Amino acid sequence: MELKPLEALKLWHDVELDLVRDNRPDLSLRQIVILLTVYLEPPPHTVRGLAKKLGISKPAITRALDTMGRLDLLKRKRDESDKRNVLIQRTVTGSVYLTDLADSVITRAREIGPRETSKPSQASTNEAASSTTDESKDTTP
């Protein structure tokens, strides 16, 4: 599906509106990006690694993780092989949140509908021309 810029913004608006209207946690864009990164990319994830990957400061990552931890969307666990590291892990609640978000994106994208991307076939072009010619021959008053 190819979207025009305004359609893309409308899709984003409508998905975010679904999040606002539902009884889901109200996450910031930064929190959603961190959450998606943890769920879409293979582990392990650490504060240091997320900060480097996303170009966000470690304190900002920590604040986002604090909020998402309280909401049970992610959890932290001490790395047993290196006690200095804290691993960021997925939760069932976070998985459900993102599944619902994905469902909303799919539903809203379908509302935009499929877009015609191919040119009309030569046969349909000839048919249209033929019917126009036939209509011009009609001399009924």
N, C-alpha and C. Protein backbone atom coordinates (compact mmCIF):
# COMPACT_ATOMS: atom_id res chain seq x y z
N MET A 1 0.85 -1.17 0.00
CA MET A 1 0.00 0.00 0.00
C MET A 1 0.89 1.23 0.00
N GLU A 2 0.62 2.11 -0.92
CA GLU A 2 1.36 3.36 -0.98
C GLU A 2 0.44 4.48 -0.52
N LEU A 3 0.93 5.28 0.44
CA LEU A 3 0.13 6.36 0.98
C LEU A 3 0.67 7.70 0.53
N LYS A 4 -0.23 8.63 0.34
CA LYS A 4 0.15 10.02 0.12
C LYS A 4 0.48 10.60 1.49
N PRO A 5 1.24 11.71 1.54
CA PRO A 5 1.62 12.28 2.84
C PRO A 5 0.44 12.54 3.78
N LEU A 6 -0.63 13.12 3.28
CA LEU A 6 -1.78 13.41 4.15
C LEU A 6 -2.45 12.11 4.62
N GLU A 7 -2.46 11.10 3.78
CA GLU A 7 -3.03 9.81 4.19
C GLU A 7 -2.17 9.17 5.28
N ALA A 8 -0.86 9.29 5.16
CA ALA A 8 0.03 8.75 6.19
C ALA A 8 -0.19 9.46 7.52
N LEU A 9 -0.33 10.78 7.46
CA LEU A 9 -0.60 11.53 8.70
C LEU A 9 -1.96 11.17 9.28
N LYS A 10 -2.95 10.98 8.43
CA LYS A 10 -4.28 10.58 8.89
C LYS A 10 -4.22 9.22 9.57
N LEU A 11 -3.47 8.30 8.97
CA LEU A 11 -3.30 6.97 9.57
C LEU A 11 -2.66 7.09 10.95
N TRP A 12 -1.60 7.86 11.04
CA TRP A 12 -0.92 8.06 12.32
C TRP A 12 -1.87 8.69 13.32
N HIS A 13 -2.60 9.70 12.91
CA HIS A 13 -3.58 10.36 13.77
C HIS A 13 -4.62 9.37 14.30
N ASP A 14 -5.19 8.61 13.38
CA ASP A 14 -6.26 7.69 13.77
C ASP A 14 -5.78 6.59 14.70
N VAL A 15 -4.58 6.08 14.48
CA VAL A 15 -4.03 5.06 15.37
C VAL A 15 -3.79 5.66 16.75
N GLU A 16 -3.19 6.84 16.79
CA GLU A 16 -2.95 7.49 18.08
C GLU A 16 -4.27 7.81 18.78
N LEU A 17 -5.27 8.22 18.02
CA LEU A 17 -6.59 8.49 18.59
C LEU A 17 -7.18 7.22 19.22
N ASP A 18 -7.00 6.08 18.55
CA ASP A 18 -7.45 4.81 19.13
C ASP A 18 -6.77 4.57 20.47
N LEU A 19 -5.48 4.87 20.55
CA LEU A 19 -4.75 4.68 21.81
C LEU A 19 -5.29 5.60 22.90
N VAL A 20 -5.59 6.84 22.52
CA VAL A 20 -6.09 7.81 23.49
C VAL A 20 -7.49 7.40 23.99
N ARG A 21 -8.32 6.92 23.09
CA ARG A 21 -9.70 6.57 23.46
C ARG A 21 -9.80 5.27 24.24
N ASP A 22 -8.92 4.34 23.97
CA ASP A 22 -8.97 3.05 24.67
C ASP A 22 -8.40 3.20 26.07
N ASN A 23 -8.51 2.15 26.79
CA ASN A 23 -8.01 2.15 28.16
C ASN A 23 -6.57 1.65 28.20
N ARG A 24 -5.77 2.11 27.24
CA ARG A 24 -4.37 1.71 27.18
C ARG A 24 -3.51 2.82 27.78
N PRO A 25 -2.33 2.46 28.24
CA PRO A 25 -1.43 3.49 28.78
C PRO A 25 -1.11 4.55 27.72
N ASP A 26 -1.03 5.78 28.15
CA ASP A 26 -0.73 6.91 27.28
C ASP A 26 0.79 7.09 27.24
N LEU A 27 1.44 6.50 26.24
CA LEU A 27 2.90 6.54 26.15
C LEU A 27 3.36 7.70 25.26
N SER A 28 4.53 8.22 25.59
CA SER A 28 5.14 9.24 24.74
C SER A 28 5.73 8.56 23.50
N LEU A 29 6.06 9.35 22.50
CA LEU A 29 6.70 8.79 21.31
C LEU A 29 8.01 8.10 21.67
N ARG A 30 8.78 8.70 22.56
CA ARG A 30 10.05 8.10 23.00
C ARG A 30 9.80 6.73 23.63
N GLN A 31 8.79 6.64 24.48
CA GLN A 31 8.48 5.37 25.13
C GLN A 31 8.04 4.31 24.11
N ILE A 32 7.23 4.72 23.15
CA ILE A 32 6.78 3.77 22.12
C ILE A 32 7.96 3.28 21.29
N VAL A 33 8.87 4.19 20.93
CA VAL A 33 10.04 3.78 20.15
C VAL A 33 10.90 2.79 20.95
N ILE A 34 11.10 3.06 22.22
CA ILE A 34 11.88 2.13 23.05
C ILE A 34 11.17 0.79 23.14
N LEU A 35 9.88 0.82 23.39
CA LEU A 35 9.10 -0.41 23.50
C LEU A 35 9.18 -1.22 22.20
N LEU A 36 8.97 -0.57 21.08
CA LEU A 36 9.05 -1.25 19.79
C LEU A 36 10.44 -1.81 19.53
N THR A 37 11.47 -1.07 19.90
CA THR A 37 12.83 -1.55 19.70
C THR A 37 13.07 -2.83 20.49
N VAL A 38 12.63 -2.86 21.72
CA VAL A 38 12.82 -4.06 22.56
C VAL A 38 12.05 -5.24 22.01
N TYR A 39 10.87 -5.01 21.46
CA TYR A 39 10.04 -6.11 20.96
C TYR A 39 10.38 -6.52 19.53
N LEU A 40 10.86 -5.60 18.72
CA LEU A 40 11.10 -5.92 17.31
C LEU A 40 12.53 -6.39 17.03
N GLU A 41 13.45 -6.06 17.89
CA GLU A 41 14.84 -6.43 17.66
C GLU A 41 15.27 -7.49 18.67
N PRO A 42 16.15 -8.38 18.25
CA PRO A 42 16.54 -9.47 19.14
C PRO A 42 17.28 -8.98 20.38
N PRO A 43 17.03 -9.65 21.52
CA PRO A 43 17.73 -9.28 22.74
C PRO A 43 19.19 -9.74 22.67
N PRO A 44 20.01 -9.34 23.58
CA PRO A 44 19.70 -8.60 24.81
C PRO A 44 19.64 -7.09 24.57
N HIS A 45 18.90 -6.43 25.46
CA HIS A 45 18.80 -4.97 25.44
C HIS A 45 19.24 -4.44 26.79
N THR A 46 20.06 -3.41 26.75
CA THR A 46 20.51 -2.74 27.97
C THR A 46 20.23 -1.25 27.82
N VAL A 47 20.28 -0.53 28.94
CA VAL A 47 20.10 0.92 28.89
C VAL A 47 21.16 1.53 27.99
N ARG A 48 22.41 1.13 28.19
CA ARG A 48 23.51 1.65 27.38
C ARG A 48 23.30 1.34 25.90
N GLY A 49 22.91 0.12 25.59
CA GLY A 49 22.69 -0.28 24.20
C GLY A 49 21.54 0.47 23.55
N LEU A 50 20.43 0.62 24.28
CA LEU A 50 19.29 1.37 23.74
C LEU A 50 19.65 2.83 23.52
N ALA A 51 20.36 3.42 24.47
CA ALA A 51 20.76 4.82 24.34
C ALA A 51 21.62 5.02 23.10
N LYS A 52 22.57 4.13 22.90
CA LYS A 52 23.45 4.24 21.74
C LYS A 52 22.68 4.03 20.43
N LYS A 53 21.88 2.99 20.39
CA LYS A 53 21.13 2.65 19.17
C LYS A 53 20.17 3.76 18.77
N LEU A 54 19.46 4.33 19.75
CA LEU A 54 18.42 5.31 19.46
C LEU A 54 18.92 6.76 19.48
N GLY A 55 20.15 6.96 19.94
CA GLY A 55 20.67 8.32 20.02
C GLY A 55 19.98 9.15 21.08
N ILE A 56 19.64 8.49 22.18
CA ILE A 56 18.94 9.13 23.30
C ILE A 56 19.83 8.97 24.53
N SER A 57 19.81 9.94 25.43
CA SER A 57 20.66 9.85 26.62
C SER A 57 20.23 8.69 27.52
N LYS A 58 21.18 8.17 28.28
CA LYS A 58 20.85 7.08 29.22
C LYS A 58 19.82 7.53 30.27
N PRO A 59 19.91 8.76 30.81
CA PRO A 59 18.86 9.18 31.75
C PRO A 59 17.46 9.19 31.12
N ALA A 60 17.36 9.59 29.85
CA ALA A 60 16.05 9.59 29.18
C ALA A 60 15.54 8.16 29.01
N ILE A 61 16.43 7.24 28.66
CA ILE A 61 16.04 5.83 28.55
C ILE A 61 15.57 5.33 29.91
N THR A 62 16.31 5.66 30.95
CA THR A 62 15.97 5.21 32.31
C THR A 62 14.61 5.74 32.74
N ARG A 63 14.32 7.01 32.47
CA ARG A 63 13.01 7.58 32.82
C ARG A 63 11.89 6.85 32.08
N ALA A 64 12.10 6.60 30.79
CA ALA A 64 11.09 5.89 30.01
C ALA A 64 10.89 4.48 30.55
N LEU A 65 11.98 3.81 30.88
CA LEU A 65 11.88 2.45 31.43
C LEU A 65 11.19 2.44 32.79
N ASP A 66 11.41 3.48 33.59
CA ASP A 66 10.73 3.58 34.89
C ASP A 66 9.22 3.59 34.67
N THR A 67 8.76 4.42 33.74
CA THR A 67 7.33 4.51 33.45
C THR A 67 6.79 3.20 32.91
N MET A 68 7.49 2.64 31.93
CA MET A 68 7.01 1.40 31.32
C MET A 68 7.11 0.22 32.28
N GLY A 69 8.04 0.27 33.21
CA GLY A 69 8.13 -0.77 34.25
C GLY A 69 6.93 -0.71 35.18
N ARG A 70 6.53 0.51 35.57
CA ARG A 70 5.34 0.66 36.42
C ARG A 70 4.08 0.15 35.71
N LEU A 71 4.06 0.27 34.39
CA LEU A 71 2.91 -0.19 33.60
C LEU A 71 3.03 -1.67 33.20
N ASP A 72 4.12 -2.30 33.59
CA ASP A 72 4.41 -3.71 33.29
C ASP A 72 4.54 -3.97 31.79
N LEU A 73 4.97 -2.96 31.04
CA LEU A 73 5.18 -3.14 29.61
C LEU A 73 6.57 -3.71 29.33
N LEU A 74 7.51 -3.43 30.20
CA LEU A 74 8.88 -3.94 30.15
C LEU A 74 9.33 -4.21 31.58
N LYS A 75 10.36 -5.02 31.73
CA LYS A 75 10.93 -5.20 33.06
C LYS A 75 12.45 -5.21 32.96
N ARG A 76 13.07 -4.93 34.08
CA ARG A 76 14.53 -4.93 34.14
C ARG A 76 14.99 -6.11 34.99
N LYS A 77 16.11 -6.67 34.58
CA LYS A 77 16.69 -7.79 35.32
C LYS A 77 18.20 -7.65 35.29
N ARG A 78 18.83 -7.89 36.43
CA ARG A 78 20.29 -7.81 36.52
C ARG A 78 20.89 -8.91 35.66
N ASP A 79 21.88 -8.55 34.85
CA ASP A 79 22.58 -9.52 34.00
C ASP A 79 23.44 -10.42 34.88
N GLU A 80 23.13 -11.70 34.89
CA GLU A 80 23.85 -12.65 35.75
C GLU A 80 25.31 -12.81 35.33
N SER A 81 25.60 -12.63 34.03
CA SER A 81 26.98 -12.80 33.57
C SER A 81 27.82 -11.54 33.79
N ASP A 82 27.18 -10.39 33.94
CA ASP A 82 27.88 -9.14 34.20
C ASP A 82 26.96 -8.27 35.06
N LYS A 83 27.18 -8.31 36.36
CA LYS A 83 26.30 -7.63 37.32
C LYS A 83 26.20 -6.13 37.11
N ARG A 84 27.11 -5.56 36.31
CA ARG A 84 27.04 -4.11 36.04
C ARG A 84 25.91 -3.79 35.07
N ASN A 85 25.51 -4.75 34.28
CA ASN A 85 24.47 -4.53 33.27
C ASN A 85 23.08 -4.87 33.79
N VAL A 86 22.12 -4.11 33.31
CA VAL A 86 20.72 -4.40 33.57
C VAL A 86 20.08 -4.70 32.22
N LEU A 87 19.47 -5.86 32.12
CA LEU A 87 18.82 -6.27 30.88
C LEU A 87 17.38 -5.81 30.86
N ILE A 88 16.93 -5.36 29.72
CA ILE A 88 15.55 -4.93 29.54
C ILE A 88 14.83 -6.10 28.89
N GLN A 89 13.73 -6.53 29.52
CA GLN A 89 13.02 -7.71 29.04
C GLN A 89 11.57 -7.40 28.71
N ARG A 90 11.03 -8.22 27.85
CA ARG A 90 9.63 -8.12 27.44
C ARG A 90 8.72 -8.69 28.52
N THR A 91 7.46 -8.26 28.47
CA THR A 91 6.44 -8.80 29.38
C THR A 91 5.21 -9.18 28.57
N VAL A 92 4.36 -9.96 29.17
CA VAL A 92 3.10 -10.33 28.52
C VAL A 92 2.26 -9.09 28.29
N THR A 93 2.19 -8.21 29.27
CA THR A 93 1.41 -6.98 29.14
C THR A 93 1.92 -6.14 27.97
N GLY A 94 3.24 -6.04 27.83
CA GLY A 94 3.82 -5.29 26.71
C GLY A 94 3.50 -5.94 25.38
N SER A 95 3.53 -7.26 25.33
CA SER A 95 3.20 -7.97 24.10
C SER A 95 1.75 -7.73 23.70
N VAL A 96 0.85 -7.76 24.66
CA VAL A 96 -0.56 -7.50 24.39
C VAL A 96 -0.76 -6.06 23.92
N TYR A 97 -0.08 -5.13 24.56
CA TYR A 97 -0.18 -3.72 24.17
C TYR A 97 0.22 -3.55 22.71
N LEU A 98 1.34 -4.15 22.32
CA LEU A 98 1.81 -3.98 20.94
C LEU A 98 0.97 -4.77 19.94
N THR A 99 0.41 -5.88 20.35
CA THR A 99 -0.50 -6.62 19.47
C THR A 99 -1.74 -5.78 19.20
N ASP A 100 -2.28 -5.15 20.24
CA ASP A 100 -3.43 -4.26 20.07
C ASP A 100 -3.08 -3.07 19.19
N LEU A 101 -1.89 -2.53 19.38
CA LEU A 101 -1.44 -1.40 18.55
C LEU A 101 -1.33 -1.82 17.09
N ALA A 102 -0.74 -2.99 16.84
CA ALA A 102 -0.61 -3.49 15.47
C ALA A 102 -1.99 -3.71 14.84
N ASP A 103 -2.92 -4.26 15.62
CA ASP A 103 -4.29 -4.47 15.11
C ASP A 103 -4.93 -3.14 14.73
N SER A 104 -4.70 -2.12 15.54
CA SER A 104 -5.25 -0.80 15.25
C SER A 104 -4.65 -0.24 13.96
N VAL A 105 -3.35 -0.41 13.77
CA VAL A 105 -2.70 0.07 12.55
C VAL A 105 -3.29 -0.63 11.33
N ILE A 106 -3.46 -1.95 11.42
CA ILE A 106 -4.01 -2.72 10.31
C ILE A 106 -5.44 -2.27 9.99
N THR A 107 -6.26 -2.15 11.03
CA THR A 107 -7.66 -1.74 10.84
C THR A 107 -7.74 -0.36 10.20
N ARG A 108 -6.98 0.58 10.74
CA ARG A 108 -7.02 1.95 10.21
C ARG A 108 -6.46 2.03 8.80
N ALA A 109 -5.43 1.23 8.50
CA ALA A 109 -4.87 1.23 7.15
C ALA A 109 -5.88 0.68 6.15
N ARG A 110 -6.65 -0.33 6.57
CA ARG A 110 -7.68 -0.88 5.68
C ARG A 110 -8.77 0.13 5.40
N GLU A 111 -9.04 1.01 6.35
CA GLU A 111 -10.06 2.04 6.15
C GLU A 111 -9.66 3.01 5.05
N ILE A 112 -8.36 3.19 4.90
CA ILE A 112 -7.87 4.05 3.81
C ILE A 112 -8.14 3.34 2.49
N GLY A 113 -8.02 2.02 2.50
CA GLY A 113 -8.37 1.20 1.34
C GLY A 113 -7.23 1.03 0.37
N PRO A 114 -7.37 0.02 -0.47
CA PRO A 114 -6.33 -0.21 -1.47
C PRO A 114 -6.34 0.90 -2.50
N ARG A 115 -5.17 1.21 -2.98
CA ARG A 115 -5.04 2.28 -3.96
C ARG A 115 -4.77 1.67 -5.32
N GLU A 116 -5.41 2.21 -6.34
CA GLU A 116 -5.18 1.78 -7.72
C GLU A 116 -3.80 2.27 -8.13
N THR A 117 -2.88 1.35 -8.39
CA THR A 117 -1.53 1.77 -8.76
C THR A 117 -1.20 1.47 -10.22
N SER A 118 -2.03 0.64 -10.87
CA SER A 118 -1.73 0.30 -12.26
C SER A 118 -2.56 1.17 -13.20
N LYS A 119 -2.04 1.33 -14.40
CA LYS A 119 -2.77 2.09 -15.42
C LYS A 119 -3.88 1.21 -15.97
N PRO A 120 -4.96 1.82 -16.45
CA PRO A 120 -6.03 1.01 -17.04
C PRO A 120 -5.50 0.21 -18.22
N SER A 121 -6.05 -0.97 -18.41
CA SER A 121 -5.60 -1.81 -19.52
C SER A 121 -6.02 -1.20 -20.84
N GLN A 122 -5.34 -1.62 -21.91
CA GLN A 122 -5.66 -1.13 -23.25
C GLN A 122 -7.09 -1.50 -23.62
N ALA A 123 -7.54 -2.69 -23.21
CA ALA A 123 -8.90 -3.13 -23.54
C ALA A 123 -9.94 -2.19 -22.92
N SER A 124 -9.76 -1.83 -21.64
CA SER A 124 -10.74 -0.95 -21.01
C SER A 124 -10.68 0.45 -21.60
N THR A 125 -9.48 0.89 -22.02
CA THR A 125 -9.36 2.19 -22.67
C THR A 125 -10.09 2.17 -24.01
N ASN A 126 -9.95 1.07 -24.79
CA ASN A 126 -10.64 0.94 -26.07
C ASN A 126 -12.16 0.90 -25.89
N GLU A 127 -12.61 0.19 -24.83
CA GLU A 127 -14.05 0.11 -24.56
C GLU A 127 -14.61 1.49 -24.25
N ALA A 128 -13.89 2.26 -23.44
CA ALA A 128 -14.35 3.60 -23.10
C ALA A 128 -14.42 4.48 -24.34
N ALA A 129 -13.40 4.38 -25.18
CA ALA A 129 -13.39 5.17 -26.41
C ALA A 129 -14.52 4.75 -27.33
N SER A 130 -14.77 3.44 -27.40
CA SER A 130 -15.82 2.92 -28.27
C SER A 130 -17.19 3.40 -27.81
N SER A 131 -17.44 3.37 -26.52
CA SER A 131 -18.76 3.80 -26.03
C SER A 131 -18.95 5.29 -26.24
N THR A 132 -17.87 6.07 -26.14
CA THR A 132 -17.98 7.50 -26.40
C THR A 132 -18.31 7.74 -27.86
N THR A 133 -17.67 6.98 -28.74
CA THR A 133 -17.93 7.12 -30.17
C THR A 133 -19.36 6.72 -30.50
N ASP A 134 -19.82 5.61 -29.88
CA ASP A 134 -21.19 5.15 -30.12
C ASP A 134 -22.20 6.20 -29.68
N GLU A 135 -21.92 6.85 -28.53
CA GLU A 135 -22.84 7.86 -28.01
C GLU A 135 -22.89 9.06 -28.93
N SER A 136 -21.74 9.40 -29.56
CA SER A 136 -21.74 10.56 -30.44
C SER A 136 -22.50 10.30 -31.74
N LYS A 137 -22.69 9.02 -32.10
CA LYS A 137 -23.44 8.68 -33.31
C LYS A 137 -24.94 8.74 -33.07
N ASP A 138 -25.37 8.73 -31.81
CA ASP A 138 -26.78 8.73 -31.48
C ASP A 138 -27.38 10.07 -31.89
N THR A 139 -28.30 10.06 -32.81
CA THR A 139 -28.90 11.31 -33.30
C THR A 139 -30.36 11.44 -32.87
N THR A 140 -30.77 10.69 -31.87
CA THR A 140 -32.13 10.77 -31.38
C THR A 140 -32.35 12.14 -30.77
N PRO A 141 -33.44 12.82 -31.17
CA PRO A 141 -33.71 14.17 -30.62
C PRO A 141 -34.10 14.15 -29.18
